[in-house]
N, C-alpha and C. Protein backbone atom coordinates (compact mmCIF):
# COMPACT_ATOMS: atom_id res chain seq x y z
N MET A 1 -6.26 18.57 12.58
CA MET A 1 -7.00 18.26 14.10
C MET A 1 -8.20 18.87 13.95
N PRO A 2 -9.27 18.20 13.84
CA PRO A 2 -10.68 18.84 14.13
C PRO A 2 -10.90 19.88 14.90
N ASN A 3 -11.46 20.71 14.30
CA ASN A 3 -11.90 22.13 15.13
C ASN A 3 -10.79 22.54 16.26
N ARG A 4 -9.18 22.14 15.30
CA ARG A 4 -8.07 23.04 16.26
C ARG A 4 -8.13 23.06 17.75
N ASN A 5 -8.61 21.62 18.45
CA ASN A 5 -9.17 21.26 19.86
C ASN A 5 -8.26 20.43 20.53
N GLY A 6 -7.33 20.28 19.56
CA GLY A 6 -6.17 19.11 20.55
C GLY A 6 -6.53 17.77 20.57
N THR A 7 -8.14 17.54 20.05
CA THR A 7 -8.52 15.99 20.30
C THR A 7 -8.48 14.86 19.44
N GLY A 8 -7.46 15.26 18.10
CA GLY A 8 -7.11 14.47 17.41
C GLY A 8 -8.10 13.85 16.45
N PRO A 9 -7.92 12.87 15.38
CA PRO A 9 -9.36 12.42 14.75
C PRO A 9 -9.68 11.35 15.89
N ALA A 10 -11.35 11.51 15.72
CA ALA A 10 -11.78 10.68 16.48
C ALA A 10 -11.94 10.45 17.90
N GLY A 11 -11.12 11.56 18.45
CA GLY A 11 -10.83 12.13 19.84
C GLY A 11 -9.54 11.32 20.49
N THR A 12 -9.21 10.53 19.44
CA THR A 12 -8.32 9.70 19.84
C THR A 12 -6.69 10.38 20.76
N GLY A 13 -7.10 11.72 20.92
CA GLY A 13 -5.66 12.83 21.00
C GLY A 13 -4.27 12.96 20.04
N PRO A 14 -3.71 13.92 20.55
CA PRO A 14 -2.75 14.49 19.47
C PRO A 14 -1.70 13.59 19.37
N MET A 15 -1.05 13.95 17.36
CA MET A 15 0.23 12.82 16.98
C MET A 15 -0.67 11.77 16.96
N SER A 16 -2.05 11.32 16.92
CA SER A 16 -2.44 9.93 16.51
C SER A 16 -3.04 10.12 14.72
N GLY A 17 -3.11 10.72 14.28
CA GLY A 17 -3.48 11.15 12.80
C GLY A 17 -2.27 10.72 11.84
N ARG A 18 -2.34 10.90 10.37
CA ARG A 18 -1.71 10.80 9.50
C ARG A 18 -0.70 11.68 9.42
N GLY A 19 -0.79 12.82 10.31
CA GLY A 19 0.62 13.90 9.96
C GLY A 19 -0.02 14.48 9.22
N MET A 20 -0.69 14.70 8.49
CA MET A 20 -0.92 15.64 7.33
C MET A 20 -0.92 17.17 7.14
N GLY A 21 -1.62 17.58 8.66
CA GLY A 21 -1.74 19.39 9.28
C GLY A 21 -0.62 19.90 9.61
N ARG A 22 -1.01 21.24 10.15
CA ARG A 22 0.57 22.06 9.80
C ARG A 22 1.52 21.64 11.05
N CYS A 23 1.00 20.27 11.86
CA CYS A 23 1.47 20.49 13.45
C CYS A 23 2.47 18.55 13.08
N GLY A 24 2.26 18.28 11.72
CA GLY A 24 2.50 17.31 11.50
C GLY A 24 3.85 16.69 11.70
N GLY A 25 4.87 17.81 12.00
CA GLY A 25 5.93 17.56 11.95
C GLY A 25 7.04 16.69 11.51
N GLY A 26 6.31 17.04 10.09
CA GLY A 26 7.16 16.42 9.12
C GLY A 26 6.62 15.11 8.68
N ARG A 27 6.20 14.04 9.17
CA ARG A 27 5.22 13.30 8.91
C ARG A 27 4.70 12.88 7.14
N GLY A 28 4.04 14.44 7.52
CA GLY A 28 2.87 14.39 5.84
C GLY A 28 3.48 15.60 5.87
N ALA A 29 3.27 16.70 6.48
CA ALA A 29 4.05 17.87 6.55
C ALA A 29 2.47 18.96 5.66
N GLY A 30 1.74 18.33 5.40
CA GLY A 30 0.39 18.54 4.38
C GLY A 30 0.74 18.73 3.06
N ASN A 31 1.22 18.25 2.55
CA ASN A 31 1.78 18.41 1.12
C ASN A 31 0.58 18.20 0.29
N GLY A 32 -0.31 16.85 0.69
CA GLY A 32 -2.09 16.81 -0.02
C GLY A 32 -1.42 15.84 -1.22
N ARG A 33 -0.17 15.56 -1.10
CA ARG A 33 0.12 14.62 -2.45
C ARG A 33 -0.55 12.99 -2.67
N GLY A 34 -1.35 12.28 -1.63
CA GLY A 34 -1.90 11.25 -1.66
C GLY A 34 -0.71 10.39 -1.77
N PRO A 35 -1.23 8.79 -1.75
CA PRO A 35 -0.02 7.62 -1.39
C PRO A 35 1.06 8.00 -2.65
N GLY A 36 2.24 7.78 -2.40
CA GLY A 36 3.24 7.81 -2.99
C GLY A 36 4.18 9.31 -3.27
N GLY A 37 3.46 10.23 -2.53
CA GLY A 37 4.07 11.54 -2.50
C GLY A 37 4.55 12.12 -3.25
N ARG A 38 4.28 11.94 -4.48
CA ARG A 38 5.06 12.41 -5.89
C ARG A 38 3.98 12.36 -7.06
N ARG A 39 4.64 13.56 -7.63
CA ARG A 39 3.73 13.74 -8.85
C ARG A 39 3.27 12.50 -9.82
N GLY A 40 2.57 12.40 -10.07
CA GLY A 40 2.74 11.16 -10.88
C GLY A 40 1.60 9.86 -10.65
N GLY A 41 1.51 9.51 -9.32
CA GLY A 41 0.47 8.55 -8.96
C GLY A 41 0.94 7.78 -7.64
N PHE A 42 0.72 6.81 -7.83
CA PHE A 42 1.32 5.41 -6.17
C PHE A 42 2.29 4.80 -6.80
N GLN A 43 3.14 4.96 -5.93
CA GLN A 43 4.11 4.30 -6.29
C GLN A 43 3.98 2.60 -5.56
N VAL A 44 4.53 1.42 -6.25
CA VAL A 44 3.84 0.06 -5.46
C VAL A 44 5.45 -0.07 -4.33
N PRO A 45 5.66 -0.49 -3.28
CA PRO A 45 6.12 -0.80 -2.32
C PRO A 45 7.19 -1.88 -3.21
N ALA A 46 8.30 -2.15 -2.43
CA ALA A 46 9.21 -3.16 -3.05
C ALA A 46 8.94 -4.83 -2.55
N ALA A 47 7.78 -4.69 -1.57
CA ALA A 47 7.55 -5.63 -0.70
C ALA A 47 6.42 -6.65 -1.86
N ALA A 48 5.30 -5.71 -2.08
CA ALA A 48 4.23 -5.69 -3.02
C ALA A 48 4.84 -6.65 -4.61
N GLN A 49 6.22 -5.73 -4.61
CA GLN A 49 6.41 -5.94 -6.03
C GLN A 49 7.29 -7.54 -6.00
N ASP A 50 7.59 -7.44 -5.29
CA ASP A 50 8.23 -9.00 -4.51
C ASP A 50 7.36 -10.25 -4.99
N GLU A 51 6.05 -10.02 -4.31
CA GLU A 51 5.11 -10.84 -4.08
C GLU A 51 3.97 -11.25 -4.83
N THR A 52 4.31 -10.43 -6.02
CA THR A 52 3.67 -10.28 -7.49
C THR A 52 4.22 -11.02 -8.28
N ALA A 53 5.69 -11.00 -8.13
CA ALA A 53 6.81 -11.90 -9.24
C ALA A 53 6.55 -13.48 -8.56
N ALA A 54 6.31 -13.49 -7.30
CA ALA A 54 6.43 -14.59 -6.57
C ALA A 54 4.67 -15.77 -7.09
N LEU A 55 3.94 -14.68 -6.70
CA LEU A 55 2.69 -15.54 -7.14
C LEU A 55 2.81 -15.81 -8.79
N LYS A 56 2.92 -14.61 -9.66
CA LYS A 56 3.19 -15.25 -10.92
C LYS A 56 4.08 -15.93 -11.39
N ALA A 57 5.04 -16.78 -10.50
CA ALA A 57 6.36 -17.55 -10.64
C ALA A 57 5.18 -19.07 -10.22
N ARG A 58 4.34 -18.68 -8.99
CA ARG A 58 3.55 -20.10 -8.86
C ARG A 58 2.63 -20.40 -9.99
N VAL A 59 1.76 -19.31 -10.44
CA VAL A 59 0.56 -19.65 -11.58
C VAL A 59 1.35 -20.32 -12.74
N ALA A 60 2.49 -19.66 -13.34
CA ALA A 60 2.89 -20.40 -14.11
C ALA A 60 3.63 -22.35 -13.71
N GLU A 61 3.80 -22.37 -12.35
CA GLU A 61 4.22 -23.51 -12.20
C GLU A 61 2.59 -24.28 -11.92
N LEU A 62 2.05 -24.26 -11.57
CA LEU A 62 0.47 -24.40 -11.59
C LEU A 62 -0.02 -25.25 -13.36
N GLU A 63 0.06 -23.78 -13.69
CA GLU A 63 -0.13 -24.00 -15.28
C GLU A 63 0.43 -25.05 -15.88
N LYS A 64 1.75 -25.21 -15.87
CA LYS A 64 2.24 -26.37 -16.21
C LYS A 64 2.23 -27.69 -15.86
N ARG A 65 1.82 -27.53 -14.45
CA ARG A 65 1.48 -28.86 -14.05
C ARG A 65 0.24 -29.22 -14.30
N LEU A 66 -1.25 -28.40 -14.74
CA LEU A 66 -1.93 -28.51 -15.23
C LEU A 66 -1.89 -29.36 -16.57
N ASN A 67 -1.35 -28.99 -17.50
CA ASN A 67 -1.03 -29.25 -18.72
C ASN A 67 -0.36 -30.29 -18.60
N GLU A 68 0.81 -30.63 -17.61
CA GLU A 68 1.01 -32.29 -17.76
C GLU A 68 -0.03 -33.47 -17.50
N THR A 69 -0.72 -32.88 -16.70
CA THR A 69 -2.01 -33.61 -16.62
C THR A 69 -3.09 -34.32 -17.33
N LYS A 70 -3.21 -33.36 -18.26
CA LYS A 70 -3.85 -33.43 -19.28
C LYS A 70 -3.52 -34.09 -20.54
N GLY A 71 -2.38 -33.87 -20.36
CA GLY A 71 -1.48 -35.01 -21.50
C GLY A 71 -1.34 -36.16 -21.11
N GLU A 72 -1.61 -36.66 -19.64
CA GLU A 72 -1.40 -37.75 -18.99
C GLU A 72 -3.08 -38.98 -19.36
N GLY A 73 -3.74 -37.76 -19.17
CA GLY A 73 -5.30 -38.21 -19.65
C GLY A 73 -5.52 -38.77 -20.53
N LYS A 74 -4.79 -38.57 -21.84
CA LYS A 74 -5.16 -39.05 -23.22
C LYS A 74 -4.83 -40.04 -23.62
């Protein structure tokens, strides 16, 4: 809470932030470790991993079609 006056970040009221302070109620509890909440860095969410796999499959598909198209032009 800025200035400990109950206004929250940017004056939007209490419990409107990330919960990183002492009043966080367990949402962040002030551990200050950043994204992933663990030592060792950021953890990629499962949805992002799924999307990455789908995009890689699409790239492979497009590369295959491109190679087939190049073969037809000869």
